[in-house]
Protein backbone atom coordinates (compact mmCIF):
# COMPACT_ATOMS: atom_id res chain seq x y z
CA MET A 1 71.72 14.56 -3.87
CA GLU A 2 72.36 14.26 -0.22
CA ARG A 3 75.89 12.89 0.22
CA SER A 4 76.42 9.11 1.44
CA PRO A 5 76.98 9.11 5.00
CA LEU A 6 79.96 6.13 3.99
CA ALA A 7 81.52 9.02 1.64
CA ARG A 8 85.21 9.02 1.80
CA PRO A 9 87.18 12.48 0.89
CA PHE A 10 89.29 12.66 -2.26
CA PRO A 11 92.38 11.95 -1.72
CA ALA A 12 95.75 14.31 -2.53
CA ALA A 13 96.02 12.61 -6.39
CA PRO A 14 99.36 12.98 -7.44
CA SER A 15 99.42 14.57 -11.23
CA ILE A 16 100.46 11.70 -14.16
CA ALA A 17 103.10 12.59 -16.35
CA GLY A 18 101.66 12.13 -19.68
CA ALA A 19 98.24 12.18 -18.53
CA VAL A 20 96.31 15.59 -18.56
CA PRO A 21 93.00 15.83 -17.78
CA ARG A 22 90.05 18.41 -18.78
CA VAL A 23 86.05 18.41 -18.53
CA ALA A 24 83.68 20.31 -20.62
CA ARG A 25 80.04 20.76 -20.85
CA ALA A 26 78.08 19.03 -23.59
CA HIS A 27 74.63 19.24 -22.12
CA TYR A 28 73.65 15.64 -22.39
CA LYS A 29 71.19 16.49 -19.52
CA THR A 30 69.83 19.91 -17.91
CA TRP A 31 72.26 19.57 -15.27
CA ASP A 32 74.47 22.79 -14.46
CA ARG A 33 77.49 21.04 -14.43
CA CYS A 34 80.18 19.81 -16.74
CA ASP A 35 79.36 16.17 -18.27
CA LEU A 36 82.26 14.79 -20.43
CA THR A 37 85.78 14.13 -19.13
CA TYR A 38 88.34 14.38 -21.63
CA VAL A 39 92.14 13.07 -20.55
CA GLU A 40 95.05 13.28 -23.29
CA LEU A 41 97.76 11.17 -23.39
CA ASP A 42 101.25 11.06 -24.84
CA GLU A 43 102.53 8.69 -27.33
CA GLY A 44 103.60 5.21 -26.20
CA THR A 45 100.48 5.14 -23.36
CA SER A 46 99.88 1.52 -22.98
CA VAL A 47 96.41 0.39 -22.37
CA ALA A 48 94.51 -2.18 -20.55
CA GLY A 49 90.85 -3.02 -19.99
CA VAL A 50 88.07 -4.91 -18.53
CA PHE A 51 84.77 -4.93 -19.44
CA THR A 52 81.01 -6.16 -18.90
CA LYS A 53 79.91 -9.34 -19.89
CA ASN A 54 76.46 -7.74 -20.07
CA VAL A 55 75.24 -9.25 -23.65
CA CYS A 56 73.32 -6.05 -23.98
CA CYS A 57 76.04 -3.38 -24.09
CA SER A 58 76.84 -0.09 -25.34
CA SER A 59 78.86 0.51 -28.58
CA GLU A 60 81.46 1.84 -26.39
CA VAL A 61 82.14 -1.37 -25.14
CA GLU A 62 82.20 -3.32 -28.20
CA MET A 63 84.66 -1.02 -29.84
CA GLY A 64 86.68 -0.92 -26.69
CA ARG A 65 87.31 -4.60 -26.38
CA GLU A 66 88.81 -4.62 -29.97
CA GLN A 67 90.75 -1.14 -29.11
CA VAL A 68 92.32 -2.56 -26.16
CA ARG A 69 93.90 -5.57 -28.03
CA LEU A 70 95.87 -2.63 -29.74
CA GLY A 71 97.62 -2.00 -26.57
CA ARG A 72 97.80 1.71 -27.05
CA ALA A 73 95.94 4.68 -26.42
CA ARG A 74 96.17 8.40 -26.86
CA ALA A 75 92.78 9.87 -25.48
CA LEU A 76 90.12 8.90 -23.23
CA VAL A 77 86.49 10.74 -23.19
CA VAL A 78 83.54 9.97 -20.66
CA ASN A 79 80.11 11.21 -21.41
CA ALA A 80 78.27 11.47 -17.98
CA GLY A 81 74.02 11.26 -18.39
CA ASN A 82 73.27 9.06 -21.48
CA SER A 83 74.65 5.58 -21.56
CA ASN A 84 74.45 5.13 -25.42
CA ALA A 85 73.49 1.72 -24.95
CA PHE A 86 70.50 -0.33 -27.00
CA THR A 87 70.92 2.68 -29.57
CA GLY A 88 72.09 0.45 -32.64
CA TYR A 89 74.07 2.11 -35.59
CA ARG A 90 73.40 5.38 -34.38
CA GLY A 91 74.81 5.04 -31.27
CA ARG A 92 78.14 3.51 -32.74
CA GLU A 93 77.86 6.46 -35.04
CA ALA A 94 78.37 8.81 -32.09
CA VAL A 95 80.98 6.93 -30.63
CA GLU A 96 82.72 6.96 -34.32
CA GLN A 97 82.27 10.40 -34.59
CA ILE A 98 83.93 11.47 -31.30
CA MET A 99 87.11 9.24 -31.78
CA ALA A 100 87.59 10.67 -35.49
CA GLN A 101 87.09 14.34 -33.77
CA VAL A 102 89.65 13.61 -31.44
CA ALA A 103 92.02 11.90 -33.67
CA ALA A 104 92.03 14.47 -35.69
CA HIS A 105 93.12 17.08 -32.99
CA LEU A 106 95.67 14.89 -31.92
CA ASP A 107 97.10 13.15 -35.66
CA CYS A 108 96.64 9.67 -34.49
CA ALA A 109 94.32 6.74 -35.55
CA PRO A 110 90.63 6.87 -34.41
CA SER A 111 91.23 3.47 -32.62
CA ASP A 112 93.87 4.99 -30.26
CA VAL A 113 90.79 7.27 -28.58
CA PHE A 114 89.24 5.72 -25.72
CA VAL A 115 84.83 6.42 -25.44
CA SER A 116 82.82 5.26 -22.71
CA SER A 117 79.52 6.55 -21.82
CA THR A 118 77.09 6.44 -18.66
CA GLY A 119 73.62 7.52 -17.63
CA VAL A 120 70.02 6.45 -19.01
CA ILE A 121 69.86 3.66 -21.50
CA GLY A 122 68.13 3.39 -24.82
CA VAL A 123 69.05 7.25 -25.76
CA PRO A 124 71.32 7.46 -28.56
CA LEU A 125 73.93 9.86 -27.85
CA PRO A 126 73.38 13.32 -29.38
CA LYS A 127 75.91 13.87 -31.88
CA ASP A 128 75.52 17.27 -32.30
CA LYS A 129 76.14 17.84 -28.23
CA ALA A 130 78.90 15.34 -28.54
CA GLU A 131 80.58 17.23 -30.89
CA VAL A 132 80.38 20.76 -28.93
CA GLY A 133 81.38 19.31 -26.17
CA VAL A 134 84.73 17.60 -27.18
CA MET A 135 85.50 20.99 -29.03
CA ASN A 136 85.18 22.59 -25.63
CA ALA A 137 86.72 19.96 -23.75
CA LEU A 138 89.92 20.20 -26.32
CA ALA A 139 90.06 24.03 -25.96
CA ALA A 140 89.67 23.79 -21.70
CA GLN A 141 92.38 24.21 -19.33
CA PRO A 142 93.71 21.09 -17.52
CA CYS A 143 92.52 20.27 -14.44
CA ASP A 144 92.66 18.19 -11.35
CA TRP A 145 91.75 14.54 -10.85
CA GLU A 146 88.84 15.23 -8.51
CA MET A 147 87.04 17.23 -11.10
CA ALA A 148 88.08 14.42 -14.00
CA ALA A 149 85.90 12.10 -11.23
CA GLN A 150 83.14 14.39 -10.43
CA THR A 151 82.38 15.14 -14.05
CA ILE A 152 81.68 11.56 -14.97
CA GLY A 153 79.68 10.71 -12.15
CA THR A 154 75.57 10.31 -12.34
CA THR A 155 73.79 9.11 -9.12
CA ASP A 156 76.89 9.26 -7.47
CA THR A 157 76.96 11.33 -4.53
CA PHE A 158 80.66 11.91 -4.07
CA ALA A 159 83.97 12.09 -6.09
CA LYS A 160 85.86 8.71 -5.61
CA GLY A 161 89.44 8.36 -6.32
CA ALA A 162 92.35 6.36 -5.15
CA THR A 163 95.72 6.72 -5.21
CA ALA A 164 99.31 4.74 -4.82
CA SER A 165 102.78 4.51 -5.64
CA ALA A 166 105.83 2.07 -5.67
CA MET A 167 109.28 1.65 -5.77
CA LEU A 168 110.57 -0.53 -9.06
CA GLY A 169 114.02 -0.50 -8.28
CA ASP A 170 115.33 2.95 -7.61
CA THR A 171 112.42 4.64 -9.35
CA ARG A 172 108.86 5.47 -7.89
CA ILE A 173 106.02 5.66 -9.79
CA GLU A 174 102.50 6.83 -8.97
CA ILE A 175 99.19 6.09 -9.72
CA SER A 176 95.89 8.07 -9.69
CA ALA A 177 92.68 6.49 -10.52
CA ILE A 178 89.00 7.11 -10.63
CA VAL A 179 85.96 5.62 -10.65
CA LYS A 180 81.74 6.30 -10.88
CA GLY A 181 79.22 4.05 -9.91
CA SER A 182 76.44 3.94 -7.31
CA GLY A 183 73.45 1.54 -8.64
CA MET A 184 73.38 -1.37 -11.11
CA ILE A 185 76.30 -2.55 -9.56
CA ALA A 186 77.00 -6.37 -9.88
CA PRO A 187 79.82 -6.63 -12.19
CA ASP A 188 81.09 -9.64 -13.89
CA MET A 189 84.47 -7.88 -14.53
CA ALA A 190 84.49 -4.20 -12.70
CA THR A 191 82.28 -1.73 -11.65
CA MET A 192 80.55 0.65 -14.07
CA LEU A 193 83.43 2.87 -15.15
CA GLY A 194 86.98 3.33 -13.41
CA TYR A 195 89.98 4.69 -14.90
CA ILE A 196 93.67 3.81 -13.63
CA PHE A 197 96.61 6.24 -14.74
CA THR A 198 100.21 5.32 -14.04
CA ASP A 199 103.79 6.88 -15.11
CA ALA A 200 105.07 3.88 -15.23
CA LYS A 201 106.54 2.14 -18.62
CA VAL A 202 104.71 -1.17 -18.64
CA SER A 203 103.94 -3.48 -21.84
CA PRO A 204 100.73 -4.08 -22.39
CA HIS A 205 100.25 -7.66 -22.16
CA PHE A 206 101.77 -7.18 -18.47
CA LEU A 207 99.63 -4.63 -17.81
CA GLN A 208 96.70 -6.52 -18.94
CA LEU A 209 98.00 -9.33 -16.09
CA CYS A 210 97.90 -7.17 -13.36
CA LEU A 211 94.16 -5.28 -14.27
CA SER A 212 92.91 -8.82 -14.71
CA ALA A 213 93.90 -10.46 -11.81
CA ALA A 214 93.42 -7.15 -9.49
CA ASN A 215 89.76 -7.08 -11.13
CA GLU A 216 88.80 -10.61 -10.10
CA ALA A 217 89.70 -10.01 -6.39
CA THR A 218 87.98 -6.24 -6.01
CA PHE A 219 85.35 -4.84 -8.53
CA ALA A 220 84.58 -8.62 -9.12
CA CYS A 221 83.60 -9.10 -5.53
CA ILE A 222 81.46 -6.22 -4.79
CA THR A 223 77.82 -5.95 -5.44
CA VAL A 224 74.66 -3.20 -4.82
CA ASP A 225 71.49 -4.86 -6.29
CA SER A 226 72.99 -7.79 -8.10
CA ASP A 227 72.58 -5.69 -11.57
CA THR A 228 75.13 -5.93 -14.35
CA SER A 229 75.44 -2.77 -16.27
CA THR A 230 75.44 -2.27 -20.18
CA SER A 231 78.27 -0.31 -19.99
CA ASP A 232 81.08 -1.38 -17.19
CA THR A 233 84.19 -0.49 -18.34
CA VAL A 234 88.01 -0.34 -16.19
CA LEU A 235 90.43 0.78 -18.03
CA ALA A 236 94.29 1.36 -16.83
CA PHE A 237 96.85 3.49 -18.67
CA ALA A 238 100.79 3.60 -18.41
CA THR A 239 102.18 6.21 -20.03
CA GLY A 240 105.98 5.22 -19.35
CA HIS A 241 107.50 8.75 -18.55
CA ALA A 242 108.43 7.51 -14.82
CA GLY A 243 111.66 6.11 -16.44
CA ASN A 244 111.98 2.42 -15.47
CA GLU A 245 113.01 -0.18 -16.96
CA GLU A 246 109.90 -1.36 -19.04
CA LEU A 247 107.77 -4.11 -17.01
CA VAL A 248 106.92 -6.75 -19.53
CA ASP A 249 106.23 -10.07 -17.24
CA ALA A 250 106.14 -11.03 -13.63
CA ASP A 251 109.98 -11.65 -13.80
CA SER A 252 110.58 -7.76 -14.57
CA PRO A 253 112.29 -6.17 -11.55
CA GLY A 254 109.57 -4.49 -9.44
CA ALA A 255 106.92 -6.17 -11.30
CA ASP A 256 105.61 -7.41 -8.10
CA ALA A 257 105.36 -3.77 -6.42
CA PHE A 258 103.61 -2.79 -9.70
CA ALA A 259 101.13 -5.58 -9.36
CA ALA A 260 100.60 -4.99 -5.93
CA ALA A 261 99.90 -1.31 -6.15
CA ILE A 262 97.38 -1.58 -8.95
CA HIS A 263 95.66 -4.18 -6.57
CA ASP A 264 95.54 -1.82 -3.85
CA VAL A 265 93.96 0.86 -6.18
CA CYS A 266 91.55 -1.44 -7.67
CA ARG A 267 90.61 -2.55 -4.20
CA GLN A 268 89.88 1.30 -3.15
CA LEU A 269 87.76 1.95 -5.57
CA ALA A 270 86.00 -0.81 -5.22
CA HIS A 271 85.10 -0.01 -1.64
CA LEU A 272 84.02 3.54 -2.53
CA VAL A 273 81.57 2.36 -5.02
CA VAL A 274 79.71 0.36 -2.37
CA ARG A 275 80.13 2.92 0.33
CA ASP A 276 78.19 5.19 -2.37
CA GLY A 277 75.75 2.56 -3.22
CA GLU A 278 72.25 4.26 -3.79
CA GLY A 279 70.52 4.78 -0.61
CA ALA A 280 73.81 2.96 1.56
CA GLN A 281 73.66 3.70 5.10
CA LYS A 282 76.43 0.47 5.66
CA PHE A 283 78.87 -0.62 4.52
CA ILE A 284 79.08 -4.70 4.51
CA GLU A 285 81.76 -6.76 4.26
CA ILE A 286 81.40 -10.42 4.17
CA ALA A 287 84.37 -13.00 4.93
CA VAL A 288 83.56 -16.58 3.75
CA THR A 289 86.30 -19.31 4.61
CA GLY A 290 86.18 -23.52 4.74
CA ALA A 291 84.95 -23.30 1.00
CA VAL A 292 85.80 -25.88 -1.25
CA SER A 293 87.69 -23.50 -3.70
CA ASP A 294 88.19 -19.69 -3.60
CA GLU A 295 85.91 -19.43 -6.64
CA SER A 296 82.85 -21.37 -4.48
CA ALA A 297 83.64 -19.03 -1.50
CA ARG A 298 82.84 -15.80 -3.51
CA SER A 299 79.73 -17.47 -5.21
CA VAL A 300 78.50 -18.03 -1.51
CA GLY A 301 79.93 -14.46 -0.56
CA LEU A 302 77.59 -13.12 -3.42
CA SER A 303 74.75 -15.08 -2.65
CA ILE A 304 74.65 -13.62 0.62
CA ALA A 305 75.40 -9.73 -0.74
CA ASN A 306 72.79 -9.92 -3.35
CA SER A 307 70.26 -11.26 -0.76
CA PRO A 308 67.54 -8.37 0.06
CA LEU A 309 66.75 -10.28 3.25
CA VAL A 310 69.94 -9.99 4.30
CA LYS A 311 70.79 -6.50 3.39
CA THR A 312 67.69 -5.26 4.62
CA ALA A 313 68.05 -7.03 7.58
CA VAL A 314 71.29 -5.52 8.24
CA ALA A 315 69.64 -1.83 7.33
CA GLY A 316 67.37 -2.67 10.28
CA GLU A 317 70.33 -3.31 12.56
CA ASP A 318 68.69 -7.01 13.09
CA ALA A 319 70.93 -9.74 13.99
CA ASN A 320 68.92 -12.35 11.72
CA TRP A 321 71.66 -14.73 10.96
CA GLY A 322 68.91 -17.58 9.49
CA ARG A 323 69.01 -14.91 6.35
CA VAL A 324 72.24 -15.80 6.06
CA VAL A 325 71.78 -19.47 6.35
CA MET A 326 69.19 -19.19 3.61
CA ALA A 327 71.69 -17.38 1.37
CA VAL A 328 74.27 -19.70 1.90
CA GLY A 329 72.12 -22.90 0.96
CA LYS A 330 70.55 -21.18 -1.92
CA ALA A 331 73.97 -20.53 -3.38
CA GLY A 332 74.28 -23.47 -5.55
CA GLU A 333 77.61 -24.38 -4.08
CA PRO A 334 79.15 -27.11 -1.67
CA ALA A 335 77.76 -26.65 1.75
CA ASP A 336 76.88 -28.90 4.67
CA ARG A 337 74.09 -27.47 7.11
CA ASP A 338 75.86 -29.37 10.02
CA LYS A 339 79.33 -27.67 9.51
CA LEU A 340 78.24 -24.29 8.72
CA SER A 341 79.51 -21.35 11.21
CA ILE A 342 77.87 -17.69 11.48
CA GLY A 343 79.38 -14.71 13.17
CA PHE A 344 78.88 -11.04 12.93
CA GLY A 345 81.75 -8.40 13.93
CA GLY A 346 83.57 -10.97 15.12
CA THR A 347 81.12 -12.73 17.91
CA TRP A 348 79.87 -16.14 16.41
CA ALA A 349 76.19 -16.85 16.89
CA ALA A 350 76.50 -20.35 15.55
CA LYS A 351 78.91 -23.07 14.82
CA ASN A 352 78.67 -26.10 13.58
CA GLY A 353 75.04 -26.18 12.55
CA LEU A 354 73.78 -24.95 15.75
CA PRO A 355 73.19 -21.95 17.45
CA LEU A 356 75.66 -21.52 20.51
CA ALA A 357 74.24 -22.26 23.61
CA ASP A 358 76.02 -19.03 25.40
CA TYR A 359 75.23 -16.72 22.57
CA ASP A 360 74.67 -13.10 23.32
CA GLU A 361 73.17 -10.98 21.15
CA ALA A 362 74.20 -7.99 22.71
CA PRO A 363 77.79 -7.25 21.08
CA VAL A 364 76.34 -7.96 17.55
CA ALA A 365 73.54 -5.28 18.00
CA GLU A 366 76.09 -3.22 19.19
CA HIS A 367 78.11 -3.83 16.16
CA LEU A 368 74.98 -3.76 13.56
CA LYS A 369 74.36 0.11 15.18
CA GLY A 370 77.87 0.85 13.27
CA GLN A 371 78.50 2.07 9.64
CA ASP A 372 81.34 -0.67 9.34
CA ILE A 373 79.58 -4.48 9.39
CA ARG A 374 81.23 -7.56 8.89
CA ILE A 375 79.47 -11.21 8.66
CA ASP A 376 81.75 -13.98 8.66
CA VAL A 377 80.87 -17.39 7.30
CA ASP A 378 82.89 -20.67 7.68
CA LEU A 379 81.72 -23.48 5.35
CA GLY A 380 83.75 -25.58 7.40
CA LEU A 381 84.52 -28.44 3.98
CA ALA A 382 88.23 -26.82 2.78
CA GLU A 383 90.40 -24.16 2.18
CA GLY A 384 88.68 -22.05 0.24
CA SER A 385 88.31 -18.00 1.36
CA ALA A 386 86.74 -15.05 -0.20
CA THR A 387 85.57 -11.93 0.79
CA VAL A 388 83.05 -9.80 -0.66
CA TRP A 389 81.75 -6.14 -0.25
CA THR A 390 78.07 -4.82 -0.51
CA CYS A 391 75.72 -2.21 1.14
CA ASP A 392 72.49 -2.54 3.20
CA LEU A 393 69.20 -2.19 1.19
CA THR A 394 67.00 1.06 2.51
CA HIS A 395 63.90 2.80 1.24
CA GLY A 396 66.45 5.41 -0.45
CA TYR A 397 67.40 2.86 -3.43
CA ILE A 398 63.76 2.80 -4.08
CA VAL A 399 63.57 6.35 -4.31
CA ILE A 400 66.48 7.34 -6.33
CA ASN A 401 65.37 4.55 -8.85
CA ALA A 402 61.66 5.48 -9.13
CA ASP A 403 62.88 8.75 -10.24
CA TYR A 404 65.89 8.18 -12.19
CA ARG A 405 65.01 9.47 -15.65
CA THR A 406 62.64 11.82 -14.22
C-alpha cells in the first residue's frame, strides 16, 4: 500500500526498562509479515485503559475493561488481521487461550495478560494459529518499538510512534508509545489501538486519571470517517523502574509534568492516525471558539470534521465556507447565524453572519493547496473552545474500503 503523503518518520523511541517488545508470525492472513506483537512487562507494572463505547465490541474489549480495574499487568498481546469481534463464545475462548498460554509462561494470573485484536470483523480468531503465534513470540528476540508498531498495523501505510520525557524532581522518566489506525476512526474514547509505556512509578489510579484526561483532549477529538470501531483500545503501562517517588495523585511531586507528558504523547499519536487516514491527502485542524462550553465546541468541531461535503471541498481545494456553515447548523448545539464567523488559514471569509466585503479568496486558495489545513469557527456566544482534527475525503478511501476483505 502506498505510503501516506502526510506520513511522519518513526521517532527514536527509547527502550523502557521493564517493557520488552517482541514480534512473530501467526499467519492470521496471507501477508508476508509479522502479525503478532508481544510485550513482556515486569512485575509491579501498573496499567490504565480507555475503551470503545461501541456496544458490539470484541471480547478483548469486554475483558480488558474488567482487567484494567485490577490495575496490574504482566503482558500485552496484539493480533493483527482479525478483530475477533462479533464472534460469540468462540472469540472469547480464543482470548482466554492466549491469556492462559502467556500466564503459564510468566507464572502470573491470566488477568494480568491483556489482549487486543484488529482487522476483519465477524471471523473468530483461529485458536491454532494464535497458539503458534504466541509460542513463536515467546521465543523471539526483543525488537524495537518501530517493529512492534509495524506489526500491529492493518491498512496503516506507516508505523506510528511517539515519545516524551519529563523530570519528576531529580528523576528523568521516559515514555515510548505506538498506535495503529487509519480507518473506522471516530472514537468516543481513543483511536483503534494504542499502547503507552513508561518507566515512571505511578499508581493505577493516577495513571488512569492522566490517561482519561489526555484522551478527552486528543483521541476523542479526531475523526477520519465518523465510524467508531468495535475494538478501540488505549492502554498505558507504568513499569516503575525509573526510581521516582510514586505518583499517587495530583499533589505528588512531578505529577503535573507527568500528566503533561502523557498528554503530549497522546496528541502526537492522535495526529498520526489522522495523517494516515485512508486515502488522506490533507491534514485538517478545526478550531472552534465562542461556544457555550468546551463540550459544545467539540461537538460543533466534530460535526464539521465528519461532514463529507466539507471534507471533499478541502480535497478539491475549494474554499466553500458555506459547507462549514451547514455543518455548524446541523451539529445540534447552540449557534446563532448572525454571530457566526468562519476563516481558513488565518484569513476570515465571513464575520458576524455575513461574508466580508473585502474578502480576498486568493490567500485562502493558496492555503488550501497545502497539506496542513486550518479552519477557524467563532460562534460568538461565550468562552467555550475546542480543537479537533480530521483529514480530507478522497477516492482513495473508497478504493481501500471496497477491497478491504479481498
